[in-house]
Amino acid sequence: MLIHSFKGVSTKYLNNYLVYNNFVNFAKESRSGKEQILLDRIINTECLSKSVNIANRPAVPLPQAS
């Protein structure tokens, strides 16, 4: 396993980073081919957020002019 510390990448998201990095750097497809693969993945991935959950989130505080 990897022993070195990673700088700039949270270990919580390390797996996602490694998958993305390998996809970008080692996939044989052209740029447009990679874009199509990502678009297909986005369209076909089930979303875990429901509109009800989003609607019930607290409002984001906005800065007020003084």
PDB file of N, CA and C in Angstrom:
ATOM      1  N   MET A   1       0.849  -1.188   0.000  1.00  0.00           N
ATOM      2  CA  MET A   1       0.000   0.000   0.000  1.00  0.00           C
ATOM      3  C   MET A   1       0.880   1.232   0.000  1.00  0.00           C
ATOM      4  N   LEU A   2       0.291   2.368  -0.224  1.00  0.00           N
ATOM      5  CA  LEU A   2       1.043   3.615  -0.286  1.00  0.00           C
ATOM      6  C   LEU A   2       1.387   4.103   1.109  1.00  0.00           C
ATOM      7  N   ILE A   3       2.623   4.469   1.312  1.00  0.00           N
ATOM      8  CA  ILE A   3       3.075   4.936   2.615  1.00  0.00           C
ATOM      9  C   ILE A   3       3.280   6.442   2.618  1.00  0.00           C
ATOM     10  N   HIS A   4       3.529   7.007   1.451  1.00  0.00           N
ATOM     11  CA  HIS A   4       3.808   8.441   1.356  1.00  0.00           C
ATOM     12  C   HIS A   4       2.578   9.261   1.702  1.00  0.00           C
ATOM     13  N   SER A   5       2.805  10.433   2.281  1.00  0.00           N
ATOM     14  CA  SER A   5       1.673  11.320   2.555  1.00  0.00           C
ATOM     15  C   SER A   5       1.329  12.081   1.281  1.00  0.00           C
ATOM     16  N   PHE A   6       0.054  12.332   1.089  1.00  0.00           N
ATOM     17  CA  PHE A   6      -0.410  13.061  -0.082  1.00  0.00           C
ATOM     18  C   PHE A   6      -0.643  14.506   0.302  1.00  0.00           C
ATOM     19  N   LYS A   7      -0.192  15.400  -0.539  1.00  0.00           N
ATOM     20  CA  LYS A   7      -0.381  16.821  -0.281  1.00  0.00           C
ATOM     21  C   LYS A   7      -1.406  17.369  -1.264  1.00  0.00           C
ATOM     22  N   GLY A   8      -2.397  18.076  -0.754  1.00  0.00           N
ATOM     23  CA  GLY A   8      -3.386  18.707  -1.612  1.00  0.00           C
ATOM     24  C   GLY A   8      -4.612  17.860  -1.890  1.00  0.00           C
ATOM     25  N   VAL A   9      -4.633  16.619  -1.440  1.00  0.00           N
ATOM     26  CA  VAL A   9      -5.789  15.755  -1.663  1.00  0.00           C
ATOM     27  C   VAL A   9      -6.219  15.181  -0.326  1.00  0.00           C
ATOM     28  N   SER A  10      -7.456  15.466   0.059  1.00  0.00           N
ATOM     29  CA  SER A  10      -7.986  14.926   1.300  1.00  0.00           C
ATOM     30  C   SER A  10      -8.083  13.408   1.183  1.00  0.00           C
ATOM     31  N   THR A  11      -7.671  12.701   2.218  1.00  0.00           N
ATOM     32  CA  THR A  11      -7.744  11.241   2.162  1.00  0.00           C
ATOM     33  C   THR A  11      -9.186  10.757   2.068  1.00  0.00           C
ATOM     34  N   LYS A  12     -10.137  11.579   2.485  1.00  0.00           N
ATOM     35  CA  LYS A  12     -11.551  11.219   2.362  1.00  0.00           C
ATOM     36  C   LYS A  12     -11.926  11.029   0.890  1.00  0.00           C
ATOM     37  N   TYR A  13     -11.341  11.830   0.010  1.00  0.00           N
ATOM     38  CA  TYR A  13     -11.661  11.789  -1.413  1.00  0.00           C
ATOM     39  C   TYR A  13     -10.530  11.190  -2.245  1.00  0.00           C
ATOM     40  N   LEU A  14      -9.574  10.542  -1.604  1.00  0.00           N
ATOM     41  CA  LEU A  14      -8.403  10.034  -2.306  1.00  0.00           C
ATOM     42  C   LEU A  14      -8.776   9.027  -3.389  1.00  0.00           C
ATOM     43  N   ASN A  15      -9.699   8.125  -3.107  1.00  0.00           N
ATOM     44  CA  ASN A  15     -10.093   7.136  -4.106  1.00  0.00           C
ATOM     45  C   ASN A  15     -10.668   7.816  -5.344  1.00  0.00           C
ATOM     46  N   ASN A  16     -11.533   8.818  -5.144  1.00  0.00           N
ATOM     47  CA  ASN A  16     -12.102   9.545  -6.284  1.00  0.00           C
ATOM     48  C   ASN A  16     -11.008  10.223  -7.096  1.00  0.00           C
ATOM     49  N   TYR A  17     -10.045  10.825  -6.405  1.00  0.00           N
ATOM     50  CA  TYR A  17      -8.939  11.493  -7.087  1.00  0.00           C
ATOM     51  C   TYR A  17      -8.126  10.500  -7.915  1.00  0.00           C
ATOM     52  N   LEU A  18      -7.820   9.349  -7.350  1.00  0.00           N
ATOM     53  CA  LEU A  18      -7.022   8.360  -8.069  1.00  0.00           C
ATOM     54  C   LEU A  18      -7.748   7.841  -9.302  1.00  0.00           C
ATOM     55  N   VAL A  19      -9.040   7.604  -9.189  1.00  0.00           N
ATOM     56  CA  VAL A  19      -9.822   7.151 -10.342  1.00  0.00           C
ATOM     57  C   VAL A  19      -9.823   8.221 -11.423  1.00  0.00           C
ATOM     58  N   TYR A  20     -10.073   9.476 -11.022  1.00  0.00           N
ATOM     59  CA  TYR A  20     -10.088  10.581 -11.983  1.00  0.00           C
ATOM     60  C   TYR A  20      -8.716  10.742 -12.635  1.00  0.00           C
ATOM     61  N   ASN A  21      -7.662  10.737 -11.833  1.00  0.00           N
ATOM     62  CA  ASN A  21      -6.308  10.919 -12.348  1.00  0.00           C
ATOM     63  C   ASN A  21      -5.949   9.816 -13.345  1.00  0.00           C
ATOM     64  N   ASN A  22      -6.268   8.582 -13.014  1.00  0.00           N
ATOM     65  CA  ASN A  22      -5.987   7.475 -13.930  1.00  0.00           C
ATOM     66  C   ASN A  22      -6.799   7.598 -15.210  1.00  0.00           C
ATOM     67  N   PHE A  23      -8.044   8.014 -15.089  1.00  0.00           N
ATOM     68  CA  PHE A  23      -8.887   8.182 -16.271  1.00  0.00           C
ATOM     69  C   PHE A  23      -8.306   9.246 -17.195  1.00  0.00           C
ATOM     70  N   VAL A  24      -7.942  10.388 -16.639  1.00  0.00           N
ATOM     71  CA  VAL A  24      -7.431  11.498 -17.441  1.00  0.00           C
ATOM     72  C   VAL A  24      -6.087  11.153 -18.075  1.00  0.00           C
ATOM     73  N   ASN A  25      -5.212  10.526 -17.319  1.00  0.00           N
ATOM     74  CA  ASN A  25      -3.845  10.317 -17.794  1.00  0.00           C
ATOM     75  C   ASN A  25      -3.615   9.021 -18.567  1.00  0.00           C
ATOM     76  N   PHE A  26      -4.434   7.995 -18.339  1.00  0.00           N
ATOM     77  CA  PHE A  26      -4.122   6.704 -18.933  1.00  0.00           C
ATOM     78  C   PHE A  26      -5.188   6.160 -19.878  1.00  0.00           C
ATOM     79  N   ALA A  27      -6.343   6.804 -19.976  1.00  0.00           N
ATOM     80  CA  ALA A  27      -7.368   6.334 -20.909  1.00  0.00           C
ATOM     81  C   ALA A  27      -6.879   6.555 -22.341  1.00  0.00           C
ATOM     82  N   LYS A  28      -7.130   5.610 -23.205  1.00  0.00           N
ATOM     83  CA  LYS A  28      -6.630   5.659 -24.583  1.00  0.00           C
ATOM     84  C   LYS A  28      -7.505   6.513 -25.501  1.00  0.00           C
ATOM     85  N   GLU A  29      -8.703   6.859 -25.063  1.00  0.00           N
ATOM     86  CA  GLU A  29      -9.616   7.596 -25.915  1.00  0.00           C
ATOM     87  C   GLU A  29      -9.126   9.027 -26.138  1.00  0.00           C
ATOM     88  N   SER A  30      -9.662   9.651 -27.187  1.00  0.00           N
ATOM     89  CA  SER A  30      -9.373  11.063 -27.439  1.00  0.00           C
ATOM     90  C   SER A  30     -10.110  11.904 -26.402  1.00  0.00           C
ATOM     91  N   ARG A  31      -9.851  13.204 -26.408  1.00  0.00           N
ATOM     92  CA  ARG A  31     -10.524  14.089 -25.454  1.00  0.00           C
ATOM     93  C   ARG A  31     -12.039  14.014 -25.616  1.00  0.00           C
ATOM     94  N   SER A  32     -12.525  14.049 -26.859  1.00  0.00           N
ATOM     95  CA  SER A  32     -13.975  13.978 -27.068  1.00  0.00           C
ATOM     96  C   SER A  32     -14.520  12.619 -26.629  1.00  0.00           C
ATOM     97  N   GLY A  33     -13.735  11.563 -26.798  1.00  0.00           N
ATOM     98  CA  GLY A  33     -14.155  10.243 -26.325  1.00  0.00           C
ATOM     99  C   GLY A  33     -14.266  10.192 -24.816  1.00  0.00           C
ATOM    100  N   LYS A  34     -13.295  10.812 -24.129  1.00  0.00           N
ATOM    101  CA  LYS A  34     -13.335  10.879 -22.667  1.00  0.00           C
ATOM    102  C   LYS A  34     -14.533  11.697 -22.199  1.00  0.00           C
ATOM    103  N   GLU A  35     -14.805  12.815 -22.889  1.00  0.00           N
ATOM    104  CA  GLU A  35     -15.959  13.644 -22.525  1.00  0.00           C
ATOM    105  C   GLU A  35     -17.254  12.858 -22.680  1.00  0.00           C
ATOM    106  N   GLN A  36     -17.352  12.059 -23.734  1.00  0.00           N
ATOM    107  CA  GLN A  36     -18.554  11.255 -23.954  1.00  0.00           C
ATOM    108  C   GLN A  36     -18.708  10.195 -22.866  1.00  0.00           C
ATOM    109  N   ILE A  37     -17.608   9.579 -22.462  1.00  0.00           N
ATOM    110  CA  ILE A  37     -17.652   8.585 -21.385  1.00  0.00           C
ATOM    111  C   ILE A  37     -18.145   9.234 -20.096  1.00  0.00           C
ATOM    112  N   LEU A  38     -17.610  10.413 -19.771  1.00  0.00           N
ATOM    113  CA  LEU A  38     -18.033  11.109 -18.555  1.00  0.00           C
ATOM    114  C   LEU A  38     -19.497  11.520 -18.629  1.00  0.00           C
ATOM    115  N   LEU A  39     -19.932  12.024 -19.788  1.00  0.00           N
ATOM    116  CA  LEU A  39     -21.331  12.421 -19.949  1.00  0.00           C
ATOM    117  C   LEU A  39     -22.255  11.219 -19.767  1.00  0.00           C
ATOM    118  N   ASP A  40     -21.906  10.095 -20.366  1.00  0.00           N
ATOM    119  CA  ASP A  40     -22.712   8.879 -20.201  1.00  0.00           C
ATOM    120  C   ASP A  40     -22.771   8.457 -18.739  1.00  0.00           C
ATOM    121  N   ARG A  41     -21.646   8.570 -18.048  1.00  0.00           N
ATOM    122  CA  ARG A  41     -21.591   8.209 -16.618  1.00  0.00           C
ATOM    123  C   ARG A  41     -22.494   9.124 -15.795  1.00  0.00           C
ATOM    124  N   ILE A  42     -22.442  10.424 -16.076  1.00  0.00           N
ATOM    125  CA  ILE A  42     -23.268  11.386 -15.344  1.00  0.00           C
ATOM    126  C   ILE A  42     -24.745  11.121 -15.583  1.00  0.00           C
ATOM    127  N   ILE A  43     -25.112  10.891 -16.831  1.00  0.00           N
ATOM    128  CA  ILE A  43     -26.519  10.674 -17.177  1.00  0.00           C
ATOM    129  C   ILE A  43     -27.048   9.382 -16.557  1.00  0.00           C
ATOM    130  N   ASN A  44     -26.227   8.350 -16.495  1.00  0.00           N
ATOM    131  CA  ASN A  44     -26.688   7.037 -16.042  1.00  0.00           C
ATOM    132  C   ASN A  44     -26.437   6.738 -14.571  1.00  0.00           C
ATOM    133  N   THR A  45     -25.868   7.689 -13.830  1.00  0.00           N
ATOM    134  CA  THR A  45     -25.614   7.485 -12.408  1.00  0.00           C
ATOM    135  C   THR A  45     -26.818   7.948 -11.602  1.00  0.00           C
ATOM    136  N   GLU A  46     -27.244   7.100 -10.691  1.00  0.00           N
ATOM    137  CA  GLU A  46     -28.389   7.444  -9.850  1.00  0.00           C
ATOM    138  C   GLU A  46     -27.997   8.546  -8.870  1.00  0.00           C
ATOM    139  N   CYS A  47     -28.834   9.552  -8.795  1.00  0.00           N
ATOM    140  CA  CYS A  47     -28.579  10.682  -7.896  1.00  0.00           C
ATOM    141  C   CYS A  47     -29.109  10.339  -6.509  1.00  0.00           C
ATOM    142  N   LEU A  48     -28.304  10.587  -5.483  1.00  0.00           N
ATOM    143  CA  LEU A  48     -28.698  10.249  -4.122  1.00  0.00           C
ATOM    144  C   LEU A  48     -29.444  11.379  -3.420  1.00  0.00           C
ATOM    145  N   SER A  49     -29.441  12.581  -3.980  1.00  0.00           N
ATOM    146  CA  SER A  49     -30.162  13.704  -3.376  1.00  0.00           C
ATOM    147  C   SER A  49     -31.570  13.760  -3.939  1.00  0.00           C
ATOM    148  N   LYS A  50     -32.515  13.969  -3.073  1.00  0.00           N
ATOM    149  CA  LYS A  50     -33.897  14.115  -3.505  1.00  0.00           C
ATOM    150  C   LYS A  50     -34.278  15.576  -3.397  1.00  0.00           C
ATOM    151  N   SER A  51     -35.179  16.004  -4.252  1.00  0.00           N
ATOM    152  CA  SER A  51     -35.565  17.418  -4.244  1.00  0.00           C
ATOM    153  C   SER A  51     -36.153  17.821  -2.901  1.00  0.00           C
ATOM    154  N   VAL A  52     -36.788  16.890  -2.199  1.00  0.00           N
ATOM    155  CA  VAL A  52     -37.342  17.198  -0.879  1.00  0.00           C
ATOM    156  C   VAL A  52     -36.216  17.554   0.086  1.00  0.00           C
ATOM    157  N   ASN A  53     -35.120  16.802   0.040  1.00  0.00           N
ATOM    158  CA  ASN A  53     -33.983  17.088   0.913  1.00  0.00           C
ATOM    159  C   ASN A  53     -33.367  18.441   0.598  1.00  0.00           C
ATOM    160  N   ILE A  54     -33.267  18.759  -0.671  1.00  0.00           N
ATOM    161  CA  ILE A  54     -32.681  20.036  -1.067  1.00  0.00           C
ATOM    162  C   ILE A  54     -33.582  21.183  -0.640  1.00  0.00           C
ATOM    163  N   ALA A  55     -34.882  21.025  -0.792  1.00  0.00           N
ATOM    164  CA  ALA A  55     -35.825  22.084  -0.421  1.00  0.00           C
ATOM    165  C   ALA A  55     -35.822  22.340   1.080  1.00  0.00           C
ATOM    166  N   ASN A  56     -35.495  21.340   1.883  1.00  0.00           N
ATOM    167  CA  ASN A  56     -35.518  21.497   3.340  1.00  0.00           C
ATOM    168  C   ASN A  56     -34.187  21.955   3.934  1.00  0.00           C
ATOM    169  N   ARG A  57     -33.203  22.210   3.097  1.00  0.00           N
ATOM    170  CA  ARG A  57     -31.917  22.707   3.597  1.00  0.00           C
ATOM    171  C   ARG A  57     -32.082  24.129   4.116  1.00  0.00           C
ATOM    172  N   PRO A  58     -31.280  24.499   5.115  1.00  0.00           N
ATOM    173  CA  PRO A  58     -31.336  25.892   5.569  1.00  0.00           C
ATOM    174  C   PRO A  58     -30.802  26.822   4.482  1.00  0.00           C
ATOM    175  N   ALA A  59     -31.303  28.028   4.479  1.00  0.00           N
ATOM    176  CA  ALA A  59     -30.877  29.013   3.484  1.00  0.00           C
ATOM    177  C   ALA A  59     -29.415  29.385   3.697  1.00  0.00           C
ATOM    178  N   VAL A  60     -28.745  29.670   2.623  1.00  0.00           N
ATOM    179  CA  VAL A  60     -27.356  30.117   2.698  1.00  0.00           C
ATOM    180  C   VAL A  60     -27.367  31.580   3.114  1.00  0.00           C
ATOM    181  N   PRO A  61     -26.654  31.931   4.187  1.00  0.00           N
ATOM    182  CA  PRO A  61     -26.657  33.331   4.614  1.00  0.00           C
ATOM    183  C   PRO A  61     -25.927  34.207   3.598  1.00  0.00           C
ATOM    184  N   LEU A  62     -26.520  35.322   3.269  1.00  0.00           N
ATOM    185  CA  LEU A  62     -25.919  36.265   2.335  1.00  0.00           C
ATOM    186  C   LEU A  62     -25.327  37.435   3.100  1.00  0.00           C
ATOM    187  N   PRO A  63     -24.208  37.956   2.635  1.00  0.00           N
ATOM    188  CA  PRO A  63     -23.632  39.125   3.312  1.00  0.00           C
ATOM    189  C   PRO A  63     -24.553  40.330   3.149  1.00  0.00           C
ATOM    190  N   GLN A  64     -24.663  41.096   4.197  1.00  0.00           N
ATOM    191  CA  GLN A  64     -25.529  42.273   4.146  1.00  0.00           C
ATOM    192  C   GLN A  64     -24.676  43.524   4.035  1.00  0.00           C
ATOM    193  N   ALA A  65     -25.168  44.472   3.250  1.00  0.00           N
ATOM    194  CA  ALA A  65     -24.459  45.747   3.095  1.00  0.00           C
ATOM    195  C   ALA A  65     -24.535  46.522   4.398  1.00  0.00           C
ATOM    196  N   SER A  66     -23.441  47.181   4.745  1.00  0.00           N
ATOM    197  CA  SER A  66     -23.443  47.941   5.997  1.00  0.00           C
ATOM    198  C   SER A  66     -23.688  49.407   5.765  1.00  0.00           C
TER     199      SER A  66
END
